[in-house]
Full PDB file with SEQRES, HELIX, SHEET, SSBOND, CRYST1, ORIGX, SCALE, CONECT and MASTER records, all heavy atoms in Angstrom:
SEQRES   1 A   41  ILE SER ALA HIS PHE ALA LEU GLU GLU LEU LEU MET ARG          
SEQRES   2 A   41  ARG ALA ALA TYR ALA ASP PHE GLN PRO HIS LYS GLU ALA          
SEQRES   3 A   41  HIS GLU GLY LEU LEU ASP GLU ILE ARG ASP ILE MET ASP          
SEQRES   4 A   41  ALA PHE                                                      
HELIX    1 AA1 SER A    2  ARG A   14  1                                  13    
HELIX    2 AA2 PHE A   20  ALA A   40  1                                  21    
CRYST1    1.000    1.000    1.000  90.00  90.00  90.00 P 1           1          
ORIGX1      1.000000  0.000000  0.000000        0.00000                         
ORIGX2      0.000000  1.000000  0.000000        0.00000                         
ORIGX3      0.000000  0.000000  1.000000        0.00000                         
SCALE1      1.000000  0.000000  0.000000        0.00000                         
SCALE2      0.000000  1.000000  0.000000        0.00000                         
SCALE3      0.000000  0.000000  1.000000        0.00000                         
ATOM      1  N   ILE A   1     177.275 244.916 141.566  1.00  0.00           N  
ATOM      2  CA  ILE A   1     177.427 245.712 142.738  1.00  0.00           C  
ATOM      3  C   ILE A   1     177.911 244.830 143.890  1.00  0.00           C  
ATOM      4  O   ILE A   1     178.804 245.190 144.629  1.00  0.00           O  
ATOM      5  CB  ILE A   1     176.190 246.513 143.102  1.00  0.00           C  
ATOM      6  CG1 ILE A   1     175.991 247.619 142.073  1.00  0.00           C  
ATOM      7  CG2 ILE A   1     176.249 247.097 144.470  1.00  0.00           C  
ATOM      8  CD1 ILE A   1     174.631 248.405 142.173  1.00  0.00           C  
ATOM      9  N   SER A   2     177.352 243.660 144.058  1.00  0.00           N  
ATOM     10  CA  SER A   2     177.751 242.744 145.130  1.00  0.00           C  
ATOM     11  C   SER A   2     179.209 242.383 145.010  1.00  0.00           C  
ATOM     12  O   SER A   2     179.972 242.407 145.956  1.00  0.00           O  
ATOM     13  CB  SER A   2     176.910 241.458 145.094  1.00  0.00           C  
ATOM     14  OG  SER A   2     175.601 241.685 145.417  1.00  0.00           O  
ATOM     15  N   ALA A   3     179.665 242.073 143.770  1.00  0.00           N  
ATOM     16  CA  ALA A   3     181.058 241.736 143.531  1.00  0.00           C  
ATOM     17  C   ALA A   3     181.957 242.901 143.787  1.00  0.00           C  
ATOM     18  O   ALA A   3     183.071 242.785 144.367  1.00  0.00           O  
ATOM     19  CB  ALA A   3     181.229 241.212 142.078  1.00  0.00           C  
ATOM     20  N   HIS A   4     181.497 244.090 143.396  1.00  0.00           N  
ATOM     21  CA  HIS A   4     182.282 245.300 143.595  1.00  0.00           C  
ATOM     22  C   HIS A   4     182.490 245.536 145.085  1.00  0.00           C  
ATOM     23  O   HIS A   4     183.547 245.912 145.583  1.00  0.00           O  
ATOM     24  CB  HIS A   4     181.702 246.485 142.891  1.00  0.00           C  
ATOM     25  CG  HIS A   4     182.347 247.761 143.268  1.00  0.00           C  
ATOM     26  ND1 HIS A   4     183.619 248.095 142.788  1.00  0.00           N  
ATOM     27  CD2 HIS A   4     181.966 248.800 144.049  1.00  0.00           C  
ATOM     28  CE1 HIS A   4     183.991 249.241 143.327  1.00  0.00           C  
ATOM     29  NE2 HIS A   4     183.010 249.692 144.042  1.00  0.00           N  
ATOM     30  N   PHE A   5     181.324 245.440 145.830  1.00  0.00           N  
ATOM     31  CA  PHE A   5     181.400 245.677 147.263  1.00  0.00           C  
ATOM     32  C   PHE A   5     182.356 244.673 147.938  1.00  0.00           C  
ATOM     33  O   PHE A   5     183.073 245.026 148.889  1.00  0.00           O  
ATOM     34  CB  PHE A   5     180.025 245.626 147.910  1.00  0.00           C  
ATOM     35  CG  PHE A   5     179.144 246.810 147.542  1.00  0.00           C  
ATOM     36  CD1 PHE A   5     177.804 246.776 147.870  1.00  0.00           C  
ATOM     37  CD2 PHE A   5     179.637 247.940 146.939  1.00  0.00           C  
ATOM     38  CE1 PHE A   5     176.978 247.837 147.593  1.00  0.00           C  
ATOM     39  CE2 PHE A   5     178.826 249.035 146.632  1.00  0.00           C  
ATOM     40  CZ  PHE A   5     177.465 248.941 146.952  1.00  0.00           C  
ATOM     41  N   ALA A   6     182.343 243.451 147.494  1.00  0.00           N  
ATOM     42  CA  ALA A   6     183.261 242.474 148.001  1.00  0.00           C  
ATOM     43  C   ALA A   6     184.738 242.855 147.822  1.00  0.00           C  
ATOM     44  O   ALA A   6     185.544 242.759 148.725  1.00  0.00           O  
ATOM     45  CB  ALA A   6     182.994 241.068 147.342  1.00  0.00           C  
ATOM     46  N   LEU A   7     185.054 243.424 146.630  1.00  0.00           N  
ATOM     47  CA  LEU A   7     186.390 243.939 146.359  1.00  0.00           C  
ATOM     48  C   LEU A   7     186.748 245.051 147.322  1.00  0.00           C  
ATOM     49  O   LEU A   7     187.795 245.034 147.962  1.00  0.00           O  
ATOM     50  CB  LEU A   7     186.527 244.434 144.884  1.00  0.00           C  
ATOM     51  CG  LEU A   7     187.820 245.190 144.606  1.00  0.00           C  
ATOM     52  CD1 LEU A   7     189.051 244.342 144.709  1.00  0.00           C  
ATOM     53  CD2 LEU A   7     187.707 245.830 143.202  1.00  0.00           C  
ATOM     54  N   GLU A   8     185.885 246.054 147.426  1.00  0.00           N  
ATOM     55  CA  GLU A   8     186.170 247.167 148.304  1.00  0.00           C  
ATOM     56  C   GLU A   8     186.339 246.707 149.770  1.00  0.00           C  
ATOM     57  O   GLU A   8     187.247 247.142 150.444  1.00  0.00           O  
ATOM     58  CB  GLU A   8     184.977 248.203 148.291  1.00  0.00           C  
ATOM     59  CG  GLU A   8     185.056 249.124 147.146  1.00  0.00           C  
ATOM     60  CD  GLU A   8     183.981 250.263 147.290  1.00  0.00           C  
ATOM     61  OE1 GLU A   8     183.395 250.465 148.364  1.00  0.00           O  
ATOM     62  OE2 GLU A   8     183.764 250.962 146.301  1.00  0.00           O  
ATOM     63  N   GLU A   9     185.446 245.799 150.217  1.00  0.00           N  
ATOM     64  CA  GLU A   9     185.548 245.321 151.584  1.00  0.00           C  
ATOM     65  C   GLU A   9     186.784 244.505 151.844  1.00  0.00           C  
ATOM     66  O   GLU A   9     187.380 244.626 152.915  1.00  0.00           O  
ATOM     67  CB  GLU A   9     184.267 244.536 151.938  1.00  0.00           C  
ATOM     68  CG  GLU A   9     183.067 245.472 151.956  1.00  0.00           C  
ATOM     69  CD  GLU A   9     181.735 244.754 151.969  1.00  0.00           C  
ATOM     70  OE1 GLU A   9     181.688 243.503 152.220  1.00  0.00           O  
ATOM     71  OE2 GLU A   9     180.708 245.449 151.774  1.00  0.00           O  
ATOM     72  N   LEU A  10     187.254 243.735 150.846  1.00  0.00           N  
ATOM     73  CA  LEU A  10     188.510 243.061 150.961  1.00  0.00           C  
ATOM     74  C   LEU A  10     189.658 244.038 151.129  1.00  0.00           C  
ATOM     75  O   LEU A  10     190.533 243.872 152.026  1.00  0.00           O  
ATOM     76  CB  LEU A  10     188.753 242.177 149.735  1.00  0.00           C  
ATOM     77  CG  LEU A  10     190.111 241.457 149.663  1.00  0.00           C  
ATOM     78  CD1 LEU A  10     190.234 240.454 150.779  1.00  0.00           C  
ATOM     79  CD2 LEU A  10     190.290 240.782 148.301  1.00  0.00           C  
ATOM     80  N   LEU A  11     189.734 245.055 150.281  1.00  0.00           N  
ATOM     81  CA  LEU A  11     190.780 246.067 150.422  1.00  0.00           C  
ATOM     82  C   LEU A  11     190.715 246.792 151.769  1.00  0.00           C  
ATOM     83  O   LEU A  11     191.757 247.046 152.400  1.00  0.00           O  
ATOM     84  CB  LEU A  11     190.625 247.095 149.291  1.00  0.00           C  
ATOM     85  CG  LEU A  11     190.843 246.581 147.844  1.00  0.00           C  
ATOM     86  CD1 LEU A  11     190.495 247.656 146.832  1.00  0.00           C  
ATOM     87  CD2 LEU A  11     192.287 246.135 147.699  1.00  0.00           C  
ATOM     88  N   MET A  12     189.536 247.046 152.225  1.00  0.00           N  
ATOM     89  CA  MET A  12     189.415 247.765 153.516  1.00  0.00           C  
ATOM     90  C   MET A  12     189.860 246.878 154.665  1.00  0.00           C  
ATOM     91  O   MET A  12     190.568 247.301 155.589  1.00  0.00           O  
ATOM     92  CB  MET A  12     187.977 248.232 153.782  1.00  0.00           C  
ATOM     93  CG  MET A  12     187.564 249.406 152.895  1.00  0.00           C  
ATOM     94  SD  MET A  12     185.907 250.068 153.291  1.00  0.00           S  
ATOM     95  CE  MET A  12     184.849 248.852 152.500  1.00  0.00           C  
ATOM     96  N   ARG A  13     189.484 245.582 154.607  1.00  0.00           N  
ATOM     97  CA  ARG A  13     189.920 244.668 155.705  1.00  0.00           C  
ATOM     98  C   ARG A  13     191.431 244.505 155.646  1.00  0.00           C  
ATOM     99  O   ARG A  13     192.075 244.529 156.753  1.00  0.00           O  
ATOM    100  CB  ARG A  13     189.258 243.270 155.489  1.00  0.00           C  
ATOM    101  CG  ARG A  13     187.877 243.185 156.120  1.00  0.00           C  
ATOM    102  CD  ARG A  13     187.332 241.780 156.249  1.00  0.00           C  
ATOM    103  NE  ARG A  13     187.358 241.057 154.967  1.00  0.00           N  
ATOM    104  CZ  ARG A  13     186.367 241.101 154.050  1.00  0.00           C  
ATOM    105  NH1 ARG A  13     185.297 241.777 154.277  1.00  0.00           N  
ATOM    106  NH2 ARG A  13     186.467 240.417 152.934  1.00  0.00           N  
ATOM    107  N   ARG A  14     192.023 244.341 154.480  1.00  0.00           N  
ATOM    108  CA  ARG A  14     193.498 244.199 154.372  1.00  0.00           C  
ATOM    109  C   ARG A  14     194.221 245.402 154.955  1.00  0.00           C  
ATOM    110  O   ARG A  14     195.270 245.246 155.527  1.00  0.00           O  
ATOM    111  CB  ARG A  14     193.907 243.983 152.908  1.00  0.00           C  
ATOM    112  CG  ARG A  14     193.658 242.633 152.369  1.00  0.00           C  
ATOM    113  CD  ARG A  14     194.180 242.507 150.960  1.00  0.00           C  
ATOM    114  NE  ARG A  14     193.938 241.211 150.430  1.00  0.00           N  
ATOM    115  CZ  ARG A  14     194.022 240.918 149.150  1.00  0.00           C  
ATOM    116  NH1 ARG A  14     194.275 241.872 148.265  1.00  0.00           N  
ATOM    117  NH2 ARG A  14     193.797 239.652 148.737  1.00  0.00           N  
ATOM    118  N   ALA A  15     193.636 246.534 154.801  1.00  0.00           N  
ATOM    119  CA  ALA A  15     194.280 247.778 155.256  1.00  0.00           C  
ATOM    120  C   ALA A  15     193.871 248.156 156.693  1.00  0.00           C  
ATOM    121  O   ALA A  15     194.260 249.188 157.194  1.00  0.00           O  
ATOM    122  CB  ALA A  15     193.980 248.951 154.303  1.00  0.00           C  
ATOM    123  N   ALA A  16     193.051 247.309 157.354  1.00  0.00           N  
ATOM    124  CA  ALA A  16     192.530 247.601 158.655  1.00  0.00           C  
ATOM    125  C   ALA A  16     191.868 248.948 158.672  1.00  0.00           C  
ATOM    126  O   ALA A  16     192.087 249.806 159.579  1.00  0.00           O  
ATOM    127  CB  ALA A  16     193.615 247.454 159.742  1.00  0.00           C  
ATOM    128  N   TYR A  17     191.098 249.225 157.681  1.00  0.00           N  
ATOM    129  CA  TYR A  17     190.424 250.508 157.502  1.00  0.00           C  
ATOM    130  C   TYR A  17     189.479 250.825 158.666  1.00  0.00           C  
ATOM    131  O   TYR A  17     188.616 250.025 159.001  1.00  0.00           O  
ATOM    132  CB  TYR A  17     189.659 250.494 156.196  1.00  0.00           C  
ATOM    133  CG  TYR A  17     188.978 251.788 155.755  1.00  0.00           C  
ATOM    134  CD1 TYR A  17     189.636 252.918 155.588  1.00  0.00           C  
ATOM    135  CD2 TYR A  17     187.580 251.805 155.623  1.00  0.00           C  
ATOM    136  CE1 TYR A  17     189.031 254.120 155.240  1.00  0.00           C  
ATOM    137  CE2 TYR A  17     186.942 252.945 155.234  1.00  0.00           C  
ATOM    138  CZ  TYR A  17     187.646 254.113 155.057  1.00  0.00           C  
ATOM    139  OH  TYR A  17     187.040 255.278 154.682  1.00  0.00           O  
ATOM    140  N   ALA A  18     189.683 251.977 159.311  1.00  0.00           N  
ATOM    141  CA  ALA A  18     188.954 252.329 160.510  1.00  0.00           C  
ATOM    142  C   ALA A  18     187.441 252.421 160.330  1.00  0.00           C  
ATOM    143  O   ALA A  18     186.686 252.087 161.195  1.00  0.00           O  
ATOM    144  CB  ALA A  18     189.501 253.652 161.066  1.00  0.00           C  
ATOM    145  N   ASP A  19     186.987 252.915 159.156  1.00  0.00           N  
ATOM    146  CA  ASP A  19     185.618 253.066 158.924  1.00  0.00           C  
ATOM    147  C   ASP A  19     184.957 251.887 158.175  1.00  0.00           C  
ATOM    148  O   ASP A  19     183.919 252.032 157.456  1.00  0.00           O  
ATOM    149  CB  ASP A  19     185.326 254.380 158.106  1.00  0.00           C  
ATOM    150  CG  ASP A  19     185.591 255.579 158.936  1.00  0.00           C  
ATOM    151  OD1 ASP A  19     185.460 255.570 160.215  1.00  0.00           O  
ATOM    152  OD2 ASP A  19     185.940 256.666 158.394  1.00  0.00           O  
ATOM    153  N   PHE A  20     185.565 250.725 158.339  1.00  0.00           N  
ATOM    154  CA  PHE A  20     185.087 249.518 157.620  1.00  0.00           C  
ATOM    155  C   PHE A  20     183.600 249.241 157.879  1.00  0.00           C  
ATOM    156  O   PHE A  20     182.841 249.042 156.979  1.00  0.00           O  
ATOM    157  CB  PHE A  20     185.924 248.286 157.955  1.00  0.00           C  
ATOM    158  CG  PHE A  20     185.419 247.043 157.403  1.00  0.00           C  
ATOM    159  CD1 PHE A  20     185.560 246.728 156.023  1.00  0.00           C  
ATOM    160  CD2 PHE A  20     184.697 246.141 158.187  1.00  0.00           C  
ATOM    161  CE1 PHE A  20     185.038 245.531 155.476  1.00  0.00           C  
ATOM    162  CE2 PHE A  20     184.172 244.985 157.656  1.00  0.00           C  
ATOM    163  CZ  PHE A  20     184.359 244.657 156.317  1.00  0.00           C  
ATOM    164  N   GLN A  21     183.212 249.172 159.162  1.00  0.00           N  
ATOM    165  CA  GLN A  21     181.885 248.741 159.512  1.00  0.00           C  
ATOM    166  C   GLN A  21     180.782 249.657 158.948  1.00  0.00           C  
ATOM    167  O   GLN A  21     179.814 249.152 158.324  1.00  0.00           O  
ATOM    168  CB  GLN A  21     181.728 248.580 161.000  1.00  0.00           C  
ATOM    169  CG  GLN A  21     180.488 247.751 161.393  1.00  0.00           C  
ATOM    170  CD  GLN A  21     180.485 246.358 160.738  1.00  0.00           C  
ATOM    171  OE1 GLN A  21     181.484 245.660 160.648  1.00  0.00           O  
ATOM    172  NE2 GLN A  21     179.302 245.956 160.236  1.00  0.00           N  
ATOM    173  N   PRO A  22     180.845 250.969 159.134  1.00  0.00           N  
ATOM    174  CA  PRO A  22     179.811 251.800 158.527  1.00  0.00           C  
ATOM    175  C   PRO A  22     179.785 251.735 157.022  1.00  0.00           C  
ATOM    176  O   PRO A  22     178.742 251.812 156.384  1.00  0.00           O  
ATOM    177  CB  PRO A  22     180.132 253.213 159.035  1.00  0.00           C  
ATOM    178  CG  PRO A  22     181.386 253.174 159.747  1.00  0.00           C  
ATOM    179  CD  PRO A  22     181.793 251.744 159.952  1.00  0.00           C  
ATOM    180  N   HIS A  23     180.929 251.552 156.409  1.00  0.00           N  
ATOM    181  CA  HIS A  23     181.006 251.478 154.931  1.00  0.00           C  
ATOM    182  C   HIS A  23     180.320 250.164 154.472  1.00  0.00           C  
ATOM    183  O   HIS A  23     179.523 250.203 153.529  1.00  0.00           O  
ATOM    184  CB  HIS A  23     182.469 251.500 154.499  1.00  0.00           C  
ATOM    185  CG  HIS A  23     182.713 251.860 153.096  1.00  0.00           C  
ATOM    186  ND1 HIS A  23     183.573 252.828 152.709  1.00  0.00           N  
ATOM    187  CD2 HIS A  23     182.136 251.426 151.940  1.00  0.00           C  
ATOM    188  CE1 HIS A  23     183.579 252.958 151.382  1.00  0.00           C  
ATOM    189  NE2 HIS A  23     182.693 252.125 150.916  1.00  0.00           N  
ATOM    190  N   LYS A  24     180.596 249.098 155.201  1.00  0.00           N  
ATOM    191  CA  LYS A  24     180.002 247.772 154.863  1.00  0.00           C  
ATOM    192  C   LYS A  24     178.470 247.884 155.063  1.00  0.00           C  
ATOM    193  O   LYS A  24     177.697 247.342 154.233  1.00  0.00           O  
ATOM    194  CB  LYS A  24     180.602 246.707 155.716  1.00  0.00           C  
ATOM    195  CG  LYS A  24     179.988 245.333 155.453  1.00  0.00           C  
ATOM    196  CD  LYS A  24     180.747 244.232 156.220  1.00  0.00           C  
ATOM    197  CE  LYS A  24     180.177 242.888 156.100  1.00  0.00           C  
ATOM    198  NZ  LYS A  24     179.928 242.455 154.749  1.00  0.00           N  
ATOM    199  N   GLU A  25     178.041 248.545 156.124  1.00  0.00           N  
ATOM    200  CA  GLU A  25     176.623 248.693 156.395  1.00  0.00           C  
ATOM    201  C   GLU A  25     175.954 249.488 155.240  1.00  0.00           C  
ATOM    202  O   GLU A  25     174.788 249.155 154.836  1.00  0.00           O  
ATOM    203  CB  GLU A  25     176.349 249.320 157.737  1.00  0.00           C  
ATOM    204  CG  GLU A  25     176.687 248.393 158.887  1.00  0.00           C  
ATOM    205  CD  GLU A  25     176.694 249.028 160.234  1.00  0.00           C  
ATOM    206  OE1 GLU A  25     176.304 250.220 160.389  1.00  0.00           O  
ATOM    207  OE2 GLU A  25     177.086 248.317 161.202  1.00  0.00           O  
ATOM    208  N   ALA A  26     176.601 250.503 154.726  1.00  0.00           N  
ATOM    209  CA  ALA A  26     176.064 251.296 153.603  1.00  0.00           C  
ATOM    210  C   ALA A  26     175.917 250.385 152.418  1.00  0.00           C  
ATOM    211  O   ALA A  26     174.902 250.451 151.679  1.00  0.00           O  
ATOM    212  CB  ALA A  26     176.933 252.482 153.319  1.00  0.00           C  
ATOM    213  N   HIS A  27     176.890 249.511 152.180  1.00  0.00           N  
ATOM    214  CA  HIS A  27     176.829 248.604 151.045  1.00  0.00           C  
ATOM    215  C   HIS A  27     175.629 247.678 151.220  1.00  0.00           C  
ATOM    216  O   HIS A  27     174.865 247.447 150.272  1.00  0.00           O  
ATOM    217  CB  HIS A  27     178.074 247.736 150.958  1.00  0.00           C  
ATOM    218  CG  HIS A  27     179.288 248.451 150.492  1.00  0.00           C  
ATOM    219  ND1 HIS A  27     180.546 247.924 150.547  1.00  0.00           N  
ATOM    220  CD2 HIS A  27     179.471 249.657 149.867  1.00  0.00           C  
ATOM    221  CE1 HIS A  27     181.426 248.769 150.036  1.00  0.00           C  
ATOM    222  NE2 HIS A  27     180.769 249.850 149.619  1.00  0.00           N  
ATOM    223  N   GLU A  28     175.480 247.069 152.384  1.00  0.00           N  
ATOM    224  CA  GLU A  28     174.365 246.179 152.648  1.00  0.00           C  
ATOM    225  C   GLU A  28     173.016 246.885 152.481  1.00  0.00           C  
ATOM    226  O   GLU A  28     172.066 246.302 151.937  1.00  0.00           O  
ATOM    227  CB  GLU A  28     174.458 245.583 154.034  1.00  0.00           C  
ATOM    228  CG  GLU A  28     175.632 244.612 154.171  1.00  0.00           C  
ATOM    229  CD  GLU A  28     176.026 244.203 155.585  1.00  0.00           C  
ATOM    230  OE1 GLU A  28     175.393 244.731 156.542  1.00  0.00           O  
ATOM    231  OE2 GLU A  28     176.942 243.372 155.750  1.00  0.00           O  
ATOM    232  N   GLY A  29     172.954 248.130 152.835  1.00  0.00           N  
ATOM    233  CA  GLY A  29     171.717 248.886 152.700  1.00  0.00           C  
ATOM    234  C   GLY A  29     171.335 249.080 151.239  1.00  0.00           C  
ATOM    235  O   GLY A  29     170.170 248.884 150.871  1.00  0.00           O  
ATOM    236  N   LEU A  30     172.323 249.380 150.401  1.00  0.00           N  
ATOM    237  CA  LEU A  30     172.014 249.566 148.946  1.00  0.00           C  
ATOM    238  C   LEU A  30     171.615 248.231 148.376  1.00  0.00           C  
ATOM    239  O   LEU A  30     170.632 248.170 147.603  1.00  0.00           O  
ATOM    240  CB  LEU A  30     173.219 250.110 148.213  1.00  0.00           C  
ATOM    241  CG  LEU A  30     172.910 250.181 146.679  1.00  0.00           C  
ATOM    242  CD1 LEU A  30     171.853 251.282 146.381  1.00  0.00           C  
ATOM    243  CD2 LEU A  30     174.168 250.490 145.909  1.00  0.00           C  
ATOM    244  N   LEU A  31     172.260 247.148 148.714  1.00  0.00           N  
ATOM    245  CA  LEU A  31     171.865 245.845 148.150  1.00  0.00           C  
ATOM    246  C   LEU A  31     170.399 245.487 148.608  1.00  0.00           C  
ATOM    247  O   LEU A  31     169.640 244.980 147.766  1.00  0.00           O  
ATOM    248  CB  LEU A  31     172.835 244.749 148.581  1.00  0.00           C  
ATOM    249  CG  LEU A  31     174.238 244.879 147.954  1.00  0.00           C  
ATOM    250  CD1 LEU A  31     175.192 243.837 148.613  1.00  0.00           C  
ATOM    251  CD2 LEU A  31     174.200 244.678 146.491  1.00  0.00           C  
ATOM    252  N   ASP A  32     170.050 245.799 149.824  1.00  0.00           N  
ATOM    253  CA  ASP A  32     168.642 245.600 150.258  1.00  0.00           C  
ATOM    254  C   ASP A  32     167.669 246.420 149.385  1.00  0.00           C  
ATOM    255  O   ASP A  32     166.656 245.941 148.974  1.00  0.00           O  
ATOM    256  CB  ASP A  32     168.515 245.937 151.708  1.00  0.00           C  
ATOM    257  CG  ASP A  32     169.099 244.923 152.639  1.00  0.00           C  
ATOM    258  OD1 ASP A  32     169.467 243.807 152.232  1.00  0.00           O  
ATOM    259  OD2 ASP A  32     169.301 245.304 153.845  1.00  0.00           O  
ATOM    260  N   GLU A  33     168.060 247.656 149.134  1.00  0.00           N  
ATOM    261  CA  GLU A  33     167.215 248.554 148.391  1.00  0.00           C  
ATOM    262  C   GLU A  33     167.099 248.082 146.921  1.00  0.00           C  
ATOM    263  O   GLU A  33     166.016 248.187 146.323  1.00  0.00           O  
ATOM    264  CB  GLU A  33     167.716 249.966 148.467  1.00  0.00           C  
ATOM    265  CG  GLU A  33     167.524 250.552 149.840  1.00  0.00           C  
ATOM    266  CD  GLU A  33     168.146 251.921 150.018  1.00  0.00           C  
ATOM    267  OE1 GLU A  33     168.087 252.725 149.049  1.00  0.00           O  
ATOM    268  OE2 GLU A  33     168.700 252.164 151.069  1.00  0.00           O  
ATOM    269  N   ILE A  34     168.148 247.588 146.353  1.00  0.00           N  
ATOM    270  CA  ILE A  34     168.080 247.045 144.972  1.00  0.00           C  
ATOM    271  C   ILE A  34     167.147 245.848 144.945  1.00  0.00           C  
ATOM    272  O   ILE A  34     166.322 245.731 144.018  1.00  0.00           O  
ATOM    273  CB  ILE A  34     169.476 246.765 144.420  1.00  0.00           C  
ATOM    274  CG1 ILE A  34     170.246 248.025 144.182  1.00  0.00           C  
ATOM    275  CG2 ILE A  34     169.372 245.960 143.085  1.00  0.00           C  
ATOM    276  CD1 ILE A  34     171.737 247.855 143.796  1.00  0.00           C  
ATOM    277  N   ARG A  35     167.227 244.991 145.943  1.00  0.00           N  
ATOM    278  CA  ARG A  35     166.310 243.852 145.993  1.00  0.00           C  
ATOM    279  C   ARG A  35     164.916 244.313 146.138  1.00  0.00           C  
ATOM    280  O   ARG A  35     163.989 243.741 145.571  1.00  0.00           O  
ATOM    281  CB  ARG A  35     166.726 242.915 147.097  1.00  0.00           C  
ATOM    282  CG  ARG A  35     167.960 242.027 146.689  1.00  0.00           C  
ATOM    283  CD  ARG A  35     168.296 240.943 147.735  1.00  0.00           C  
ATOM    284  NE  ARG A  35     168.799 241.490 148.960  1.00  0.00           N  
ATOM    285  CZ  ARG A  35     170.079 241.777 149.158  1.00  0.00           C  
ATOM    286  NH1 ARG A  35     170.957 241.558 148.237  1.00  0.00           N  
ATOM    287  NH2 ARG A  35     170.462 242.232 150.356  1.00  0.00           N  
ATOM    288  N   ASP A  36     164.647 245.344 146.942  1.00  0.00           N  
ATOM    289  CA  ASP A  36     163.325 245.956 147.080  1.00  0.00           C  
ATOM    290  C   ASP A  36     162.815 246.463 145.736  1.00  0.00           C  
ATOM    291  O   ASP A  36     161.628 246.247 145.412  1.00  0.00           O  
ATOM    292  CB  ASP A  36     163.315 247.073 148.102  1.00  0.00           C  
ATOM    293  CG  ASP A  36     163.512 246.588 149.590  1.00  0.00           C  
ATOM    294  OD1 ASP A  36     163.359 245.377 149.786  1.00  0.00           O  
ATOM    295  OD2 ASP A  36     163.765 247.454 150.422  1.00  0.00           O  
ATOM    296  N   ILE A  37     163.697 247.162 145.011  1.00  0.00           N  
ATOM    297  CA  ILE A  37     163.294 247.643 143.686  1.00  0.00           C  
ATOM    298  C   ILE A  37     162.953 246.499 142.784  1.00  0.00           C  
ATOM    299  O   ILE A  37     161.924 246.530 142.075  1.00  0.00           O  
ATOM    300  CB  ILE A  37     164.403 248.534 143.050  1.00  0.00           C  
ATOM    301  CG1 ILE A  37     164.502 249.840 143.850  1.00  0.00           C  
ATOM    302  CG2 ILE A  37     164.126 248.816 141.558  1.00  0.00           C  
ATOM    303  CD1 ILE A  37     165.757 250.622 143.485  1.00  0.00           C  
ATOM    304  N   MET A  38     163.731 245.412 142.783  1.00  0.00           N  
ATOM    305  CA  MET A  38     163.464 244.238 141.951  1.00  0.00           C  
ATOM    306  C   MET A  38     162.108 243.643 142.346  1.00  0.00           C  
ATOM    307  O   MET A  38     161.341 243.310 141.450  1.00  0.00           O  
ATOM    308  CB  MET A  38     164.589 243.205 142.103  1.00  0.00           C  
ATOM    309  CG  MET A  38     165.908 243.706 141.532  1.00  0.00           C  
ATOM    310  SD  MET A  38     167.298 242.584 141.918  1.00  0.00           S  
ATOM    311  CE  MET A  38     166.901 241.200 140.811  1.00  0.00           C  
ATOM    312  N   ASP A  39     161.852 243.528 143.632  1.00  0.00           N  
ATOM    313  CA  ASP A  39     160.580 242.927 144.078  1.00  0.00           C  
ATOM    314  C   ASP A  39     159.411 243.835 143.647  1.00  0.00           C  
ATOM    315  O   ASP A  39     158.396 243.330 143.201  1.00  0.00           O  
ATOM    316  CB  ASP A  39     160.570 242.813 145.621  1.00  0.00           C  
ATOM    317  CG  ASP A  39     161.513 241.714 146.136  1.00  0.00           C  
ATOM    318  OD1 ASP A  39     161.950 240.881 145.307  1.00  0.00           O  
ATOM    319  OD2 ASP A  39     161.774 241.710 147.340  1.00  0.00           O  
ATOM    320  N   ALA A  40     159.554 245.130 143.820  1.00  0.00           N  
ATOM    321  CA  ALA A  40     158.493 246.070 143.370  1.00  0.00           C  
ATOM    322  C   ALA A  40     158.263 245.980 141.936  1.00  0.00           C  
ATOM    323  O   ALA A  40     157.103 245.978 141.441  1.00  0.00           O  
ATOM    324  CB  ALA A  40     158.823 247.481 143.861  1.00  0.00           C  
ATOM    325  N   PHE A  41     159.339 245.945 141.144  1.00  0.00           N  
ATOM    326  CA  PHE A  41     159.212 245.869 139.720  1.00  0.00           C  
ATOM    327  C   PHE A  41     158.538 244.574 139.304  1.00  0.00           C  
ATOM    328  O   PHE A  41     157.579 244.585 138.504  1.00  0.00           O  
ATOM    329  CB  PHE A  41     160.564 245.969 139.032  1.00  0.00           C  
ATOM    330  CG  PHE A  41     160.489 246.250 137.575  1.00  0.00           C  
ATOM    331  CD1 PHE A  41     160.341 247.539 137.096  1.00  0.00           C  
ATOM    332  CD2 PHE A  41     160.530 245.165 136.661  1.00  0.00           C  
ATOM    333  CE1 PHE A  41     160.242 247.778 135.742  1.00  0.00           C  
ATOM    334  CE2 PHE A  41     160.369 245.403 135.310  1.00  0.00           C  
ATOM    335  CZ  PHE A  41     160.266 246.705 134.797  1.00  0.00           C  
TER     336      PHE A  41                                                      
MASTER        0    0    0    2    0    0    0    6  335    1    0    4          
END                                                                             
């Protein structure tokens, strides 16, 4: 997922995508949640 988000974010930056920041923040939120799940497990 981290690698995939890096690809999406690269494409968005290259295209000067207007909603880049909220999209990136959503990605970061999911990665935090996956780490929380790993810690809980």
